Amino acid sequence: MKLSGALRLLAVVLPLGIGAAGLIHETALSQTRTAPVTKGDIQLSFAPVVKRAAPAVVNVYGARVERQTRSRLMDDFFRDFFGDQGLGVPRERIQRSLGSGVVVDGDLVVTNHHVIEGMTEVKVSFADKREFNAQVVLRDPRSDLAVLRVNDMPKVAPLEFADSETLEVGDLVLAIGNPFGVGQTVTQGIVSAMARTQVGVSDYQFFIQTDAAINPGNSGGPLVDVNGRLVGINTAIYSRSGGNMGIGFAIPSQMVKMVVESARLGSKTVQRPWLGARLQAVTPEMAEAVGLDHPTGVMVTMVTPKGPAEAAGLKRGDVILAVDGQTIEDPDSFGYRFALKGIGGETRLSTMREGKPGTVTVKLAPPAETRPRDAMSVTVRSPLMGAVIENISPAVAEEMQIDLSDANEGVVISEVADGSTAQRFGFQRGDLILAINRNKIGVTKDVETALSERSRFWEITINRGGRVMTTVLGGG
């Protein structure tokens, strides 16, 4: 959206104030700002920062081979013009991805999960064009981060982590990466905002916003401070054209550090604490009802039986205002603050109940595996063929962001193979299967039993995001 001439002028004039007050403020500014005088002043540069940080920045290349078979219609076309030669022969197409990454420890490189998602071959290359094979040692789609181990890693000084909690709006930052595949590029800007939520990139919505130019290909590259330390991993942009519009988002270094530490310890997943409660943003009406002077924090709308929240004494209607003294504004900021606490120990939540402030102590425990997953790949010819089914538990629900109030028991689709029958019929990861041909589904064995009975039509009832749907499908 373009500003009018009047608005552009207003944006310039307003910081200087109006009338006499404006003159005083302008005089104060002139006393704190000086023009460059010496040759050294004129030659001030970010080059030393770049020289320190850039060697640790890599390009990340992903590739996978996709096999495609022509449809019957295309086979008829080829038969008409070329006879039977080549009919039904699968075609191969190579799908590629390009992003950036940064060396953070020895032979470990961190990048965005979406850069390497689904890729069967991953390589990294340095600014001097040396290229190395890499293995994915940890995938964390919930934070959109992945950690790679590089074979025969050359001696490269890893980038030091800065504490993203100390970052402030207005701080200078540099973004380093490989935009559009043109080669290593450095851009400079400031921190435009902190704790941006509702961006829609990952499960943990708590981003650093910057106006440093970030473009496609920068994903996974570092955002560094003026000391050359890592403050974030560039992950997304707001754009109407596909290019930079001055609004970029980076995952804070504190979340990155947590994921990297899990990889260092040899874990293939990141364990995070489980609250066991459903939360909602506080509206102005809710704030007035509970005695807050403005909308802030999150309201507890449901407590899972036998979960950490219930054990701590949290109740429906409580408002959580802070995690260990750090204020929270919405469910996304709570999720980020709570996740960073890690597993083990306790955390104190500041609360408001019926107008009275209080605190509760919550144990930092992972979600429980209350029953075996008993994962089952559906191979029987049916609308679910190509799906993987698992039993529901708090651990599974947390991983897949399923509300346990909708699924205290039952089974969930944890995976849908590309090109499978299940995908073609529209089944999705996270769908809860409630019934097949009117037979209630409680465990994965029930799915196996229901599908073993051959049928020309299948009546399947699912719960998708709290909405129950029943559909009749062919395929027996």
Protein backbone atom coordinates (compact mmCIF):
# COMPACT_ATOMS: atom_id res chain seq x y z
CA MET A 1 0.00 0.00 0.00
CA LYS A 2 1.49 3.37 -1.04
CA LEU A 3 1.35 6.36 1.29
CA SER A 4 -0.10 9.61 -0.01
CA GLY A 5 2.17 12.65 -0.23
CA ALA A 6 0.57 14.11 2.90
CA LEU A 7 1.10 10.92 4.86
CA ARG A 8 4.71 10.67 3.76
CA LEU A 9 5.32 14.20 4.97
CA LEU A 10 3.52 13.49 8.25
CA ALA A 11 5.74 10.49 8.85
CA VAL A 12 8.80 12.73 8.57
CA VAL A 13 7.47 15.68 10.56
CA LEU A 14 5.88 13.86 13.50
CA PRO A 15 9.13 12.63 15.16
CA LEU A 16 10.32 16.21 15.38
CA GLY A 17 7.28 17.39 17.33
CA ILE A 18 5.27 20.57 16.73
CA GLY A 19 5.92 24.20 17.63
CA ALA A 20 8.39 25.12 20.37
CA ALA A 21 8.57 21.55 21.69
CA GLY A 22 9.59 20.46 18.22
CA LEU A 23 12.42 23.01 18.12
CA ILE A 24 13.73 21.80 21.48
CA HIS A 25 13.65 18.17 20.34
CA GLU A 26 15.36 19.04 17.05
CA THR A 27 18.14 20.87 18.93
CA ALA A 28 18.65 17.85 21.19
CA LEU A 29 18.96 15.57 18.15
CA SER A 30 21.57 17.84 16.56
CA GLN A 31 23.69 17.59 19.72
CA THR A 32 23.71 13.77 19.66
CA ARG A 33 24.26 13.28 15.92
CA THR A 34 27.51 14.22 14.23
CA ALA A 35 28.61 14.10 10.63
CA PRO A 36 31.68 12.01 9.70
CA VAL A 37 34.80 14.15 10.09
CA THR A 38 37.87 11.96 9.74
CA LYS A 39 38.75 9.53 6.96
CA GLY A 40 38.28 6.76 9.49
CA ASP A 41 34.72 7.89 10.17
CA ILE A 42 33.90 7.81 6.46
CA GLN A 43 35.39 4.36 6.04
CA LEU A 44 33.38 2.74 8.83
CA SER A 45 32.07 -0.56 7.49
CA PHE A 46 30.38 -3.84 8.39
CA ALA A 47 33.14 -5.70 6.52
CA PRO A 48 34.84 -7.01 9.71
CA VAL A 49 31.51 -8.45 10.88
CA VAL A 50 30.94 -10.13 7.51
CA LYS A 51 34.48 -11.56 7.45
CA ARG A 52 33.84 -13.10 10.85
CA ALA A 53 30.42 -14.58 10.06
CA ALA A 54 30.31 -15.34 6.32
CA PRO A 55 32.74 -18.34 6.28
CA ALA A 56 30.25 -20.28 8.43
CA VAL A 57 27.35 -19.67 6.02
CA VAL A 58 26.61 -22.39 3.45
CA ASN A 59 24.27 -23.02 0.56
CA VAL A 60 21.98 -26.02 1.08
CA TYR A 61 20.83 -28.07 -1.92
CA GLY A 62 18.17 -30.76 -1.74
CA ALA A 63 17.01 -33.20 -4.42
CA ARG A 64 14.66 -36.14 -4.84
CA VAL A 65 13.63 -38.25 -7.80
CA GLU A 66 9.92 -38.45 -8.54
CA ARG A 67 8.62 -41.27 -10.72
CA GLN A 68 5.56 -40.56 -12.83
CA THR A 69 3.54 -42.86 -15.05
CA ARG A 70 1.51 -41.49 -17.93
CA SER A 71 -2.25 -41.70 -17.71
CA ARG A 72 -4.29 -44.02 -19.96
CA LEU A 73 -5.28 -40.98 -22.05
CA MET A 74 -1.63 -40.11 -22.67
CA ASP A 75 -0.85 -43.76 -23.51
CA ASP A 76 -3.60 -43.68 -26.18
CA PHE A 77 -2.05 -40.51 -27.59
CA PHE A 78 1.44 -42.05 -27.76
CA ARG A 79 0.04 -45.26 -29.34
CA ASP A 80 -1.64 -43.24 -32.13
CA PHE A 81 1.60 -41.48 -33.05
CA PHE A 82 4.44 -43.77 -31.96
CA GLY A 83 2.96 -47.25 -31.63
CA ASP A 84 3.45 -49.28 -28.46
CA GLN A 85 7.05 -48.15 -27.83
CA GLY A 86 7.50 -46.66 -24.37
CA LEU A 87 3.94 -47.20 -23.17
CA GLY A 88 3.58 -47.40 -19.41
CA VAL A 89 7.27 -46.58 -18.80
CA PRO A 90 7.60 -44.41 -15.67
CA ARG A 91 9.13 -41.01 -16.23
CA GLU A 92 11.58 -39.54 -13.74
CA ARG A 93 11.57 -35.93 -12.63
CA ILE A 94 14.09 -34.44 -10.23
CA GLN A 95 12.59 -32.11 -7.63
CA ARG A 96 15.13 -29.64 -6.22
CA SER A 97 15.24 -27.14 -3.38
CA LEU A 98 17.68 -24.36 -2.59
CA GLY A 99 18.30 -22.60 0.69
CA SER A 100 20.98 -21.50 3.10
CA GLY A 101 22.42 -22.77 6.36
CA VAL A 102 25.01 -21.97 9.00
CA VAL A 103 27.69 -23.99 10.79
CA VAL A 104 26.87 -23.95 14.50
CA ASP A 105 29.03 -26.69 16.00
CA GLY A 106 31.83 -28.83 14.58
CA ASP A 107 30.25 -30.69 11.65
CA LEU A 108 26.67 -29.56 12.38
CA VAL A 109 24.76 -27.15 10.14
CA VAL A 110 21.33 -25.73 10.94
CA THR A 111 18.83 -24.77 8.24
CA ASN A 112 15.06 -24.56 7.74
CA HIS A 113 13.11 -27.80 7.71
CA HIS A 114 11.16 -26.68 4.64
CA VAL A 115 14.44 -26.47 2.69
CA ILE A 116 15.16 -30.19 3.07
CA GLU A 117 11.64 -31.56 3.57
CA GLY A 118 11.08 -34.65 1.43
CA MET A 119 14.58 -34.48 -0.07
CA THR A 120 16.52 -37.75 -0.39
CA GLU A 121 19.85 -36.11 -1.19
CA VAL A 122 21.26 -33.07 0.61
CA LYS A 123 24.50 -31.19 -0.13
CA VAL A 124 26.08 -28.06 1.26
CA SER A 125 28.57 -25.75 -0.41
CA PHE A 126 30.70 -22.97 0.99
CA ALA A 127 31.43 -19.54 -0.45
CA ASP A 128 34.69 -20.88 -1.97
CA LYS A 129 32.55 -23.41 -3.95
CA ARG A 130 33.67 -26.50 -2.00
CA GLU A 131 30.77 -28.95 -1.89
CA PHE A 132 30.05 -31.72 0.62
CA ASN A 133 27.40 -34.38 1.17
CA ALA A 134 25.24 -34.02 4.29
CA GLN A 135 22.90 -36.20 6.33
CA VAL A 136 19.81 -34.96 8.11
CA VAL A 137 20.33 -35.84 11.79
CA LEU A 138 17.30 -34.03 13.24
CA ARG A 139 14.06 -32.77 11.74
CA ASP A 140 11.83 -30.43 13.72
CA PRO A 141 8.94 -29.32 11.50
CA ARG A 142 7.22 -27.72 14.48
CA SER A 143 9.92 -25.02 14.64
CA ASP A 144 10.75 -25.29 10.90
CA LEU A 145 14.36 -26.19 11.75
CA ALA A 146 16.60 -29.08 10.72
CA VAL A 147 20.16 -30.03 11.67
CA LEU A 148 22.56 -31.55 9.13
CA ARG A 149 25.84 -33.38 9.66
CA VAL A 150 28.39 -32.63 6.94
CA ASN A 151 30.74 -35.36 5.76
CA ASP A 152 34.44 -34.37 5.86
CA MET A 153 33.57 -30.92 7.19
CA PRO A 154 36.47 -28.49 6.59
CA LYS A 155 37.84 -26.45 9.47
CA VAL A 156 35.34 -23.64 9.81
CA ALA A 157 34.75 -21.51 12.89
CA PRO A 158 31.10 -22.04 13.87
CA LEU A 159 28.90 -19.02 14.43
CA GLU A 160 28.54 -18.08 18.08
CA PHE A 161 25.01 -17.87 19.50
CA ALA A 162 23.77 -14.56 20.83
CA ASP A 163 20.89 -14.35 23.31
CA SER A 164 17.89 -13.31 21.22
CA GLU A 165 16.12 -12.28 24.46
CA THR A 166 18.46 -9.28 24.70
CA LEU A 167 17.67 -8.11 21.16
CA GLU A 168 15.75 -4.83 20.93
CA VAL A 169 13.76 -3.07 18.24
CA GLY A 170 16.15 -0.77 16.38
CA ASP A 171 19.24 -2.98 16.75
CA LEU A 172 21.32 -3.34 13.59
CA VAL A 173 21.39 -6.81 12.01
CA LEU A 174 22.81 -8.47 8.90
CA ALA A 175 21.17 -11.24 6.86
CA ILE A 176 23.51 -13.63 5.02
CA GLY A 177 22.37 -16.21 2.50
CA ASN A 178 21.98 -17.19 -1.13
CA PRO A 179 18.92 -15.32 -2.48
CA PHE A 180 17.60 -16.65 -5.79
CA GLY A 181 20.74 -18.77 -6.11
CA VAL A 182 22.90 -15.80 -7.15
CA GLY A 183 25.59 -16.58 -4.57
CA GLN A 184 26.40 -15.52 -1.03
CA THR A 185 24.86 -12.12 -0.33
CA VAL A 186 24.83 -9.82 2.70
CA THR A 187 22.07 -7.31 3.46
CA GLN A 188 21.76 -4.91 6.38
CA GLY A 189 18.80 -3.57 8.30
CA ILE A 190 17.35 -3.20 11.76
CA VAL A 191 15.14 -5.26 14.04
CA SER A 192 11.69 -3.94 13.13
CA ALA A 193 9.69 -5.82 15.78
CA MET A 194 10.03 -8.62 18.30
CA ALA A 195 7.74 -11.47 19.28
CA ARG A 196 5.73 -11.45 16.05
CA THR A 197 3.00 -14.09 16.27
CA GLN A 198 0.30 -15.36 13.90
CA VAL A 199 2.73 -15.45 10.98
CA GLY A 200 1.61 -18.98 10.07
CA VAL A 201 5.04 -20.51 9.35
CA SER A 202 5.49 -22.99 12.21
CA ASP A 203 3.87 -24.19 15.44
CA TYR A 204 5.97 -21.76 17.49
CA GLN A 205 4.92 -18.31 16.34
CA PHE A 206 7.42 -15.94 17.94
CA PHE A 207 9.54 -14.28 15.28
CA ILE A 208 12.09 -11.52 14.95
CA GLN A 209 10.93 -9.11 12.25
CA THR A 210 13.56 -7.29 10.22
CA ASP A 211 13.76 -4.99 7.22
CA ALA A 212 17.11 -6.46 6.11
CA ALA A 213 16.44 -7.67 2.55
CA ILE A 214 15.47 -11.37 2.66
CA ASN A 215 14.46 -13.21 -0.51
CA PRO A 216 13.76 -16.81 -1.64
CA GLY A 217 16.99 -18.75 -1.09
CA ASN A 218 17.76 -16.92 2.16
CA SER A 219 15.73 -19.53 4.07
CA GLY A 220 17.91 -21.18 6.70
CA GLY A 221 20.59 -18.48 6.59
CA PRO A 222 21.66 -16.53 9.66
CA LEU A 223 20.55 -13.18 10.99
CA VAL A 224 23.58 -11.81 12.86
CA ASP A 225 24.21 -8.88 15.16
CA VAL A 226 27.01 -6.29 14.81
CA ASN A 227 29.34 -8.66 16.69
CA GLY A 228 28.83 -11.38 14.09
CA ARG A 229 26.83 -13.60 16.45
CA LEU A 230 23.75 -15.60 15.47
CA VAL A 231 20.51 -13.97 16.66
CA GLY A 232 18.12 -15.83 14.37
CA ILE A 233 17.53 -18.09 11.36
CA ASN A 234 15.81 -16.36 8.43
CA THR A 235 12.70 -18.33 7.55
CA ALA A 236 9.96 -16.31 5.84
CA ILE A 237 9.01 -13.05 4.20
CA TYR A 238 5.82 -11.12 3.71
CA SER A 239 5.53 -10.46 0.01
CA ARG A 240 2.92 -9.84 -2.66
CA SER A 241 5.42 -10.25 -5.49
CA GLY A 242 7.62 -13.08 -4.20
CA GLY A 243 10.50 -10.67 -3.57
CA ASN A 244 11.60 -8.55 -0.63
CA MET A 245 9.17 -5.93 0.67
CA GLY A 246 11.05 -5.06 3.85
CA ILE A 247 9.22 -7.53 6.08
CA GLY A 248 11.21 -10.63 6.91
CA PHE A 249 10.92 -13.08 9.81
CA ALA A 250 13.61 -15.02 11.66
CA ILE A 251 13.40 -17.79 14.27
CA PRO A 252 15.02 -16.51 17.50
CA SER A 253 18.40 -17.97 18.41
CA GLN A 254 17.10 -19.32 21.73
CA MET A 255 14.79 -21.73 19.87
CA VAL A 256 17.58 -22.57 17.40
CA LYS A 257 19.96 -23.33 20.27
CA MET A 258 17.44 -25.73 21.83
CA VAL A 259 17.07 -27.69 18.58
CA VAL A 260 20.84 -27.82 17.99
CA GLU A 261 21.43 -29.01 21.56
CA SER A 262 19.05 -31.93 20.94
CA ALA A 263 21.09 -32.86 17.85
CA ARG A 264 24.34 -32.64 19.82
CA LEU A 265 22.93 -35.14 22.31
CA GLY A 266 22.10 -37.56 19.49
CA SER A 267 18.33 -37.12 19.58
CA LYS A 268 16.36 -37.31 16.34
CA THR A 269 13.49 -35.32 17.80
CA VAL A 270 13.12 -32.35 20.14
CA GLN A 271 11.36 -33.07 23.42
CA ARG A 272 9.33 -30.18 24.78
CA PRO A 273 7.24 -29.85 27.95
CA TRP A 274 3.50 -30.49 27.88
CA LEU A 275 1.03 -28.27 29.74
CA GLY A 276 -2.10 -30.36 29.27
CA ALA A 277 -4.52 -27.47 28.80
CA ARG A 278 -6.27 -25.62 26.02
CA LEU A 279 -5.62 -21.86 25.91
CA GLN A 280 -7.36 -18.90 24.31
CA ALA A 281 -6.33 -15.29 23.76
CA VAL A 282 -7.90 -12.84 26.22
CA THR A 283 -10.43 -10.51 24.59
CA PRO A 284 -11.37 -7.05 25.95
CA GLU A 285 -14.61 -8.53 27.31
CA MET A 286 -12.72 -11.34 29.07
CA ALA A 287 -10.20 -8.88 30.51
CA GLU A 288 -12.98 -6.77 32.02
CA ALA A 289 -14.70 -9.84 33.44
CA VAL A 290 -11.61 -11.13 35.26
CA GLY A 291 -10.38 -7.73 36.46
CA LEU A 292 -7.57 -6.94 34.02
CA ASP A 293 -7.09 -3.34 32.91
CA HIS A 294 -6.27 -4.44 29.33
CA PRO A 295 -6.34 -7.67 27.27
CA THR A 296 -3.20 -9.69 27.97
CA GLY A 297 -2.20 -13.26 28.72
CA VAL A 298 -4.13 -16.43 27.88
CA MET A 299 -7.25 -17.96 29.37
CA VAL A 300 -7.46 -21.66 30.25
CA THR A 301 -10.55 -23.07 28.53
CA MET A 302 -9.95 -26.80 29.14
CA VAL A 303 -7.71 -28.86 31.43
CA THR A 304 -6.69 -32.38 30.39
CA PRO A 305 -7.32 -34.94 33.16
CA LYS A 306 -4.12 -36.17 34.85
CA GLY A 307 -1.98 -33.65 32.95
CA PRO A 308 0.64 -31.24 34.40
CA ALA A 309 -1.82 -28.31 34.41
CA GLU A 310 -4.34 -30.22 36.52
CA ALA A 311 -1.61 -31.40 38.89
CA ALA A 312 -0.46 -27.78 39.32
CA GLY A 313 -3.99 -26.66 40.20
CA LEU A 314 -4.87 -24.74 37.06
CA LYS A 315 -8.60 -24.48 36.42
CA ARG A 316 -10.88 -23.52 33.59
CA GLY A 317 -11.24 -19.71 33.55
CA ASP A 318 -7.77 -19.01 34.97
CA VAL A 319 -5.71 -16.42 33.08
CA ILE A 320 -1.97 -17.05 32.69
CA LEU A 321 -0.08 -13.74 32.56
CA ALA A 322 3.59 -14.73 32.65
CA VAL A 323 6.03 -17.66 32.49
CA ASP A 324 8.81 -17.27 35.08
CA GLY A 325 8.21 -13.53 35.09
CA GLN A 326 8.19 -13.12 31.29
CA THR A 327 4.87 -11.65 30.21
CA ILE A 328 2.85 -13.31 27.48
CA GLU A 329 0.29 -11.77 25.15
CA ASP A 330 -1.37 -14.70 23.38
CA PRO A 331 -1.27 -18.52 23.04
CA ASP A 332 1.59 -18.35 20.53
CA SER A 333 3.86 -16.41 22.87
CA PHE A 334 2.97 -18.76 25.73
CA GLY A 335 3.80 -21.79 23.58
CA TYR A 336 7.21 -20.32 22.73
CA ARG A 337 8.08 -19.32 26.30
CA PHE A 338 6.92 -22.64 27.73
CA ALA A 339 8.71 -24.73 25.08
CA LEU A 340 12.04 -23.00 25.78
CA LYS A 341 11.97 -24.26 29.37
CA GLY A 342 12.87 -27.75 28.18
CA ILE A 343 12.27 -31.01 30.00
CA GLY A 344 12.97 -31.38 33.71
CA GLY A 345 12.44 -29.12 36.69
CA GLU A 346 9.55 -26.72 37.15
CA THR A 347 8.31 -23.34 35.97
CA ARG A 348 6.20 -20.72 37.73
CA LEU A 349 3.13 -19.32 35.99
CA SER A 350 1.68 -16.00 37.11
CA THR A 351 -2.10 -16.23 37.07
CA MET A 352 -5.31 -14.32 37.67
CA ARG A 353 -8.34 -16.14 39.13
CA GLU A 354 -11.58 -14.30 39.81
CA GLY A 355 -9.75 -11.00 40.01
CA LYS A 356 -7.06 -12.26 42.40
CA PRO A 357 -3.39 -12.69 41.32
CA GLY A 358 -1.58 -15.91 42.11
CA THR A 359 1.11 -18.34 40.99
CA VAL A 360 1.19 -22.03 40.20
CA THR A 361 4.18 -24.31 39.74
CA VAL A 362 4.06 -26.66 36.75
CA LYS A 363 6.35 -29.64 36.28
CA LEU A 364 8.20 -29.61 32.95
CA ALA A 365 7.42 -33.11 31.71
CA PRO A 366 7.01 -34.50 28.20
CA PRO A 367 3.55 -35.63 27.05
CA ALA A 368 2.80 -39.15 28.22
CA GLU A 369 2.71 -42.26 26.03
CA THR A 370 -0.35 -43.62 27.80
CA ARG A 371 -0.68 -46.51 25.36
CA PRO A 372 1.40 -48.02 22.54
CA ARG A 373 1.17 -46.28 19.19
CA ASP A 374 0.84 -49.58 17.29
CA ALA A 375 1.48 -47.78 13.99
CA MET A 376 -0.07 -49.58 11.02
CA SER A 377 0.46 -48.93 7.30
CA VAL A 378 -2.74 -49.53 5.37
CA THR A 379 -1.98 -51.83 2.43
CA VAL A 380 -5.48 -53.28 1.96
CA ARG A 381 -7.23 -51.96 -1.13
CA SER A 382 -9.52 -49.31 0.33
CA PRO A 383 -9.88 -45.51 0.44
CA LEU A 384 -7.29 -45.48 3.27
CA MET A 385 -4.61 -47.36 1.34
CA GLY A 386 -1.29 -45.51 1.68
CA ALA A 387 -2.07 -44.00 5.09
CA VAL A 388 -0.27 -44.73 8.38
CA ILE A 389 -2.55 -45.07 11.42
CA GLU A 390 -1.54 -44.67 15.10
CA ASN A 391 -3.30 -44.89 18.46
CA ILE A 392 -3.97 -41.55 20.16
CA SER A 393 -2.07 -40.60 23.33
CA PRO A 394 -1.03 -37.24 24.81
CA ALA A 395 2.38 -37.65 23.14
CA VAL A 396 0.88 -38.29 19.70
CA ALA A 397 -1.65 -35.50 20.16
CA GLU A 398 1.10 -33.03 21.11
CA GLU A 399 3.27 -33.99 18.14
CA MET A 400 0.38 -33.57 15.73
CA GLN A 401 -1.24 -30.59 17.49
CA ILE A 402 -4.51 -32.44 18.10
CA ASP A 403 -6.84 -31.19 20.82
CA LEU A 404 -7.21 -34.06 23.30
CA SER A 405 -10.70 -32.82 24.16
CA ASP A 406 -11.62 -34.06 20.68
CA ALA A 407 -9.70 -37.32 21.00
CA ASN A 408 -9.36 -39.00 24.38
CA GLU A 409 -9.28 -42.29 22.50
CA GLY A 410 -9.27 -43.51 18.92
CA VAL A 411 -6.76 -43.51 16.08
CA VAL A 412 -5.19 -40.81 13.95
CA ILE A 413 -3.70 -40.67 10.47
CA SER A 414 -0.04 -39.81 11.10
CA GLU A 415 1.15 -39.98 7.49
CA VAL A 416 -0.30 -40.02 3.97
CA ALA A 417 1.95 -41.19 1.15
CA ASP A 418 2.26 -38.94 -1.89
CA GLY A 419 0.14 -40.19 -4.78
CA SER A 420 -1.59 -42.79 -2.61
CA THR A 421 -5.27 -43.74 -2.70
CA ALA A 422 -5.73 -42.08 0.71
CA GLN A 423 -4.31 -38.82 -0.61
CA ARG A 424 -6.51 -38.93 -3.72
CA PHE A 425 -9.60 -39.38 -1.53
CA GLY A 426 -8.57 -36.32 0.50
CA PHE A 427 -7.47 -37.85 3.79
CA GLN A 428 -4.96 -35.74 5.69
CA ARG A 429 -2.39 -36.07 8.44
CA GLY A 430 -4.17 -35.41 11.73
CA ASP A 431 -7.55 -36.84 10.70
CA LEU A 432 -9.10 -38.85 13.53
CA ILE A 433 -10.88 -42.01 12.33
CA LEU A 434 -14.02 -42.52 14.40
CA ALA A 435 -15.84 -45.27 12.47
CA ILE A 436 -15.58 -47.46 9.36
CA ASN A 437 -18.80 -48.89 7.95
CA ARG A 438 -20.47 -47.87 11.25
CA ASN A 439 -18.00 -49.94 13.28
CA LYS A 440 -16.52 -47.79 16.06
CA ILE A 441 -12.74 -47.44 15.88
CA GLY A 442 -10.89 -47.46 19.22
CA VAL A 443 -7.44 -48.83 18.32
CA THR A 444 -5.48 -49.55 15.15
CA LYS A 445 -6.47 -53.22 15.30
CA ASP A 446 -10.07 -52.10 14.78
CA VAL A 447 -9.05 -50.44 11.51
CA GLU A 448 -7.33 -53.62 10.37
CA THR A 449 -10.45 -55.68 11.21
CA ALA A 450 -12.85 -53.25 9.50
CA LEU A 451 -10.77 -53.08 6.32
CA SER A 452 -10.40 -56.87 6.13
CA GLU A 453 -14.09 -57.11 5.24
CA ARG A 454 -14.27 -56.51 1.48
CA SER A 455 -16.79 -53.91 0.47
CA ARG A 456 -17.81 -52.09 -2.71
CA PHE A 457 -18.46 -48.94 -0.70
CA TRP A 458 -16.89 -47.57 2.45
CA GLU A 459 -18.62 -45.31 4.97
CA ILE A 460 -15.88 -43.54 6.93
CA THR A 461 -16.41 -41.04 9.76
CA ILE A 462 -13.56 -38.73 10.72
CA ASN A 463 -12.92 -35.78 13.01
CA ARG A 464 -10.91 -33.02 11.35
CA GLY A 465 -10.11 -30.08 13.60
CA GLY A 466 -13.21 -30.63 15.73
CA ARG A 467 -15.54 -31.08 12.76
CA VAL A 468 -17.08 -34.56 12.39
CA MET A 469 -17.69 -35.69 8.80
CA THR A 470 -19.05 -38.92 7.32
CA THR A 471 -18.47 -39.79 3.69
CA VAL A 472 -19.27 -42.78 1.47
CA LEU A 473 -16.49 -43.78 -0.90
CA GLY A 474 -15.97 -46.46 -3.52
CA GLY A 475 -12.91 -48.66 -3.75
CA GLY A 476 -13.22 -52.28 -2.75
